[in-house]
PDB file of N, CA and C in Angstrom:
ATOM      1  N   MET A   1      -9.705  -8.500 -47.760  1.00  0.00           N
ATOM      2  CA  MET A   1      -8.879  -9.600 -47.289  1.00  0.00           C
ATOM      3  C   MET A   1      -7.809  -9.099 -46.319  1.00  0.00           C
ATOM      4  N   ARG A   2      -7.138  -8.011 -46.677  1.00  0.00           N
ATOM      5  CA  ARG A   2      -6.074  -7.481 -45.837  1.00  0.00           C
ATOM      6  C   ARG A   2      -6.614  -6.985 -44.502  1.00  0.00           C
ATOM      7  N   LYS A   3      -7.784  -6.369 -44.530  1.00  0.00           N
ATOM      8  CA  LYS A   3      -8.391  -5.847 -43.304  1.00  0.00           C
ATOM      9  C   LYS A   3      -8.791  -6.988 -42.370  1.00  0.00           C
ATOM     10  N   THR A   4      -9.281  -8.071 -42.914  1.00  0.00           N
ATOM     11  CA  THR A   4      -9.669  -9.228 -42.107  1.00  0.00           C
ATOM     12  C   THR A   4      -8.457  -9.828 -41.406  1.00  0.00           C
ATOM     13  N   GLY A   5      -7.347  -9.931 -42.106  1.00  0.00           N
ATOM     14  CA  GLY A   5      -6.120 -10.454 -41.505  1.00  0.00           C
ATOM     15  C   GLY A   5      -5.625  -9.568 -40.379  1.00  0.00           C
ATOM     16  N   LEU A   6      -5.727  -8.263 -40.559  1.00  0.00           N
ATOM     17  CA  LEU A   6      -5.311  -7.317 -39.534  1.00  0.00           C
ATOM     18  C   LEU A   6      -6.185  -7.438 -38.288  1.00  0.00           C
ATOM     19  N   VAL A   7      -7.471  -7.586 -38.482  1.00  0.00           N
ATOM     20  CA  VAL A   7      -8.397  -7.744 -37.354  1.00  0.00           C
ATOM     21  C   VAL A   7      -8.090  -9.041 -36.599  1.00  0.00           C
ATOM     22  N   LEU A   8      -7.841 -10.126 -37.325  1.00  0.00           N
ATOM     23  CA  LEU A   8      -7.502 -11.400 -36.676  1.00  0.00           C
ATOM     24  C   LEU A   8      -6.191 -11.293 -35.902  1.00  0.00           C
ATOM     25  N   LEU A   9      -5.212 -10.619 -36.463  1.00  0.00           N
ATOM     26  CA  LEU A   9      -3.932 -10.443 -35.790  1.00  0.00           C
ATOM     27  C   LEU A   9      -4.092  -9.612 -34.513  1.00  0.00           C
ATOM     28  N   LEU A  10      -4.838  -8.537 -34.575  1.00  0.00           N
ATOM     29  CA  LEU A  10      -5.069  -7.706 -33.399  1.00  0.00           C
ATOM     30  C   LEU A  10      -5.837  -8.464 -32.314  1.00  0.00           C
ATOM     31  N   THR A  11      -6.791  -9.277 -32.725  1.00  0.00           N
ATOM     32  CA  THR A  11      -7.541 -10.086 -31.764  1.00  0.00           C
ATOM     33  C   THR A  11      -6.627 -11.093 -31.078  1.00  0.00           C
ATOM     34  N   LEU A  12      -5.778 -11.747 -31.834  1.00  0.00           N
ATOM     35  CA  LEU A  12      -4.836 -12.708 -31.270  1.00  0.00           C
ATOM     36  C   LEU A  12      -3.870 -12.036 -30.294  1.00  0.00           C
ATOM     37  N   VAL A  13      -3.355 -10.886 -30.659  1.00  0.00           N
ATOM     38  CA  VAL A  13      -2.439 -10.148 -29.780  1.00  0.00           C
ATOM     39  C   VAL A  13      -3.152  -9.730 -28.493  1.00  0.00           C
ATOM     40  N   ALA A  14      -4.378  -9.269 -28.600  1.00  0.00           N
ATOM     41  CA  ALA A  14      -5.133  -8.846 -27.418  1.00  0.00           C
ATOM     42  C   ALA A  14      -5.387 -10.022 -26.479  1.00  0.00           C
ATOM     43  N   LEU A  15      -5.742 -11.168 -27.030  1.00  0.00           N
ATOM     44  CA  LEU A  15      -5.989 -12.347 -26.196  1.00  0.00           C
ATOM     45  C   LEU A  15      -4.710 -12.841 -25.531  1.00  0.00           C
ATOM     46  N   THR A  16      -3.623 -12.837 -26.256  1.00  0.00           N
ATOM     47  CA  THR A  16      -2.346 -13.287 -25.706  1.00  0.00           C
ATOM     48  C   THR A  16      -1.874 -12.348 -24.607  1.00  0.00           C
ATOM     49  N   THR A  17      -1.971 -11.063 -24.845  1.00  0.00           N
ATOM     50  CA  THR A  17      -1.524 -10.082 -23.863  1.00  0.00           C
ATOM     51  C   THR A  17      -2.381 -10.136 -22.605  1.00  0.00           C
ATOM     52  N   SER A  18      -3.678 -10.260 -22.770  1.00  0.00           N
ATOM     53  CA  SER A  18      -4.549 -10.288 -21.602  1.00  0.00           C
ATOM     54  C   SER A  18      -4.350 -11.558 -20.783  1.00  0.00           C
ATOM     55  N   ALA A  19      -3.978 -12.649 -21.430  1.00  0.00           N
ATOM     56  CA  ALA A  19      -3.735 -13.895 -20.707  1.00  0.00           C
ATOM     57  C   ALA A  19      -2.428 -13.833 -19.924  1.00  0.00           C
ATOM     58  N   CYS A  20      -1.446 -13.118 -20.417  1.00  0.00           N
ATOM     59  CA  CYS A  20      -0.139 -13.049 -19.760  1.00  0.00           C
ATOM     60  C   CYS A  20      -0.053 -11.918 -18.742  1.00  0.00           C
ATOM     61  N   ALA A  21      -0.935 -10.970 -18.807  1.00  0.00           N
ATOM     62  CA  ALA A  21      -0.849  -9.801 -17.933  1.00  0.00           C
ATOM     63  C   ALA A  21      -0.829 -10.157 -16.445  1.00  0.00           C
ATOM     64  N   PRO A  22      -1.695 -11.049 -15.950  1.00  0.00           N
ATOM     65  CA  PRO A  22      -1.627 -11.379 -14.519  1.00  0.00           C
ATOM     66  C   PRO A  22      -0.297 -12.002 -14.109  1.00  0.00           C
ATOM     67  N   LEU A  23       0.284 -12.798 -14.991  1.00  0.00           N
ATOM     68  CA  LEU A  23       1.583 -13.398 -14.685  1.00  0.00           C
ATOM     69  C   LEU A  23       2.670 -12.343 -14.609  1.00  0.00           C
ATOM     70  N   LEU A  24       2.643 -11.392 -15.528  1.00  0.00           N
ATOM     71  CA  LEU A  24       3.653 -10.335 -15.523  1.00  0.00           C
ATOM     72  C   LEU A  24       3.506  -9.436 -14.306  1.00  0.00           C
ATOM     73  N   ILE A  25       2.284  -9.090 -13.969  1.00  0.00           N
ATOM     74  CA  ILE A  25       2.039  -8.225 -12.805  1.00  0.00           C
ATOM     75  C   ILE A  25       2.423  -8.957 -11.522  1.00  0.00           C
ATOM     76  N   GLY A  26       2.062 -10.220 -11.410  1.00  0.00           N
ATOM     77  CA  GLY A  26       2.416 -11.009 -10.232  1.00  0.00           C
ATOM     78  C   GLY A  26       3.918 -11.172 -10.091  1.00  0.00           C
ATOM     79  N   GLY A  27       4.604 -11.412 -11.186  1.00  0.00           N
ATOM     80  CA  GLY A  27       6.058 -11.543 -11.154  1.00  0.00           C
ATOM     81  C   GLY A  27       6.737 -10.255 -10.733  1.00  0.00           C
ATOM     82  N   ALA A  28       6.234  -9.135 -11.221  1.00  0.00           N
ATOM     83  CA  ALA A  28       6.798  -7.842 -10.838  1.00  0.00           C
ATOM     84  C   ALA A  28       6.558  -7.568  -9.357  1.00  0.00           C
ATOM     85  N   ALA A  29       5.391  -7.927  -8.852  1.00  0.00           N
ATOM     86  CA  ALA A  29       5.080  -7.707  -7.436  1.00  0.00           C
ATOM     87  C   ALA A  29       5.998  -8.547  -6.544  1.00  0.00           C
ATOM     88  N   VAL A  30       6.271  -9.776  -6.947  1.00  0.00           N
ATOM     89  CA  VAL A  30       7.162 -10.637  -6.173  1.00  0.00           C
ATOM     90  C   VAL A  30       8.583 -10.077  -6.184  1.00  0.00           C
ATOM     91  N   ALA A  31       9.037  -9.583  -7.322  1.00  0.00           N
ATOM     92  CA  ALA A  31      10.383  -9.015  -7.400  1.00  0.00           C
ATOM     93  C   ALA A  31      10.512  -7.781  -6.512  1.00  0.00           C
ATOM     94  N   VAL A  32       9.490  -6.933  -6.493  1.00  0.00           N
ATOM     95  CA  VAL A  32       9.512  -5.738  -5.649  1.00  0.00           C
ATOM     96  C   VAL A  32       9.488  -6.122  -4.176  1.00  0.00           C
ATOM     97  N   ALA A  33       8.660  -7.099  -3.814  1.00  0.00           N
ATOM     98  CA  ALA A  33       8.592  -7.531  -2.420  1.00  0.00           C
ATOM     99  C   ALA A  33       9.923  -8.132  -1.977  1.00  0.00           C
ATOM    100  N   ASP A  34      10.557  -8.913  -2.832  1.00  0.00           N
ATOM    101  CA  ASP A  34      11.848  -9.507  -2.506  1.00  0.00           C
ATOM    102  C   ASP A  34      12.900  -8.430  -2.285  1.00  0.00           C
ATOM    103  N   GLU A  35      12.922  -7.439  -3.145  1.00  0.00           N
ATOM    104  CA  GLU A  35      13.885  -6.344  -3.004  1.00  0.00           C
ATOM    105  C   GLU A  35      13.639  -5.558  -1.725  1.00  0.00           C
ATOM    106  N   ALA A  36      12.377  -5.336  -1.389  1.00  0.00           N
ATOM    107  CA  ALA A  36      12.055  -4.596  -0.162  1.00  0.00           C
ATOM    108  C   ALA A  36      12.522  -5.349   1.075  1.00  0.00           C
ATOM    109  N   VAL A  37      12.352  -6.666   1.101  1.00  0.00           N
ATOM    110  CA  VAL A  37      12.795  -7.463   2.240  1.00  0.00           C
ATOM    111  C   VAL A  37      14.320  -7.466   2.321  1.00  0.00           C
ATOM    112  N   GLU A  38      14.985  -7.538   1.176  1.00  0.00           N
ATOM    113  CA  GLU A  38      16.449  -7.479   1.164  1.00  0.00           C
ATOM    114  C   GLU A  38      16.941  -6.164   1.756  1.00  0.00           C
ATOM    115  N   GLN A  39      16.326  -5.058   1.358  1.00  0.00           N
ATOM    116  CA  GLN A  39      16.740  -3.748   1.859  1.00  0.00           C
ATOM    117  C   GLN A  39      16.443  -3.598   3.341  1.00  0.00           C
ATOM    118  N   ASP A  40      15.342  -4.145   3.785  1.00  0.00           N
ATOM    119  CA  ASP A  40      14.905  -3.997   5.168  1.00  0.00           C
ATOM    120  C   ASP A  40      15.682  -4.901   6.129  1.00  0.00           C
ATOM    121  N   GLN A  41      15.835  -6.168   5.752  1.00  0.00           N
ATOM    122  CA  GLN A  41      16.432  -7.148   6.655  1.00  0.00           C
ATOM    123  C   GLN A  41      17.826  -7.594   6.251  1.00  0.00           C
ATOM    124  N   GLY A  42      18.223  -7.276   5.053  1.00  0.00           N
ATOM    125  CA  GLY A  42      19.521  -7.758   4.558  1.00  0.00           C
ATOM    126  C   GLY A  42      19.425  -9.205   4.141  1.00  0.00           C
ATOM    127  N   GLY A  43      20.518  -9.779   3.759  1.00  0.00           N
ATOM    128  CA  GLY A  43      20.517 -11.184   3.358  1.00  0.00           C
ATOM    129  C   GLY A  43      19.982 -11.390   1.960  1.00  0.00           C
ATOM    130  N   ASP A  44      19.347 -12.541   1.761  1.00  0.00           N
ATOM    131  CA  ASP A  44      18.869 -12.938   0.442  1.00  0.00           C
ATOM    132  C   ASP A  44      17.431 -12.540   0.161  1.00  0.00           C
ATOM    133  N   GLY A  45      16.747 -11.927   1.085  1.00  0.00           N
ATOM    134  CA  GLY A  45      15.352 -11.564   0.866  1.00  0.00           C
ATOM    135  C   GLY A  45      14.426 -12.742   1.071  1.00  0.00           C
ATOM    136  N   LEU A  46      13.395 -12.800   0.271  1.00  0.00           N
ATOM    137  CA  LEU A  46      12.406 -13.861   0.413  1.00  0.00           C
ATOM    138  C   LEU A  46      12.872 -15.179  -0.178  1.00  0.00           C
ATOM    139  N   PHE A  47      13.676 -15.125  -1.211  1.00  0.00           N
ATOM    140  CA  PHE A  47      14.044 -16.353  -1.935  1.00  0.00           C
ATOM    141  C   PHE A  47      15.527 -16.589  -1.863  1.00  0.00           C
TER     142      PHE A  47
END
């Protein structure tokens, strides 16, 4: 019983993490691009 619960929990965590990963990576890329534009051109950057 305990092993089954652990497997279900790990499966849920894996599915949740894999679903959010593109959003986290995309958000980080936008933040880096915004900072690069700020450093290069000054001002407020992209946003």
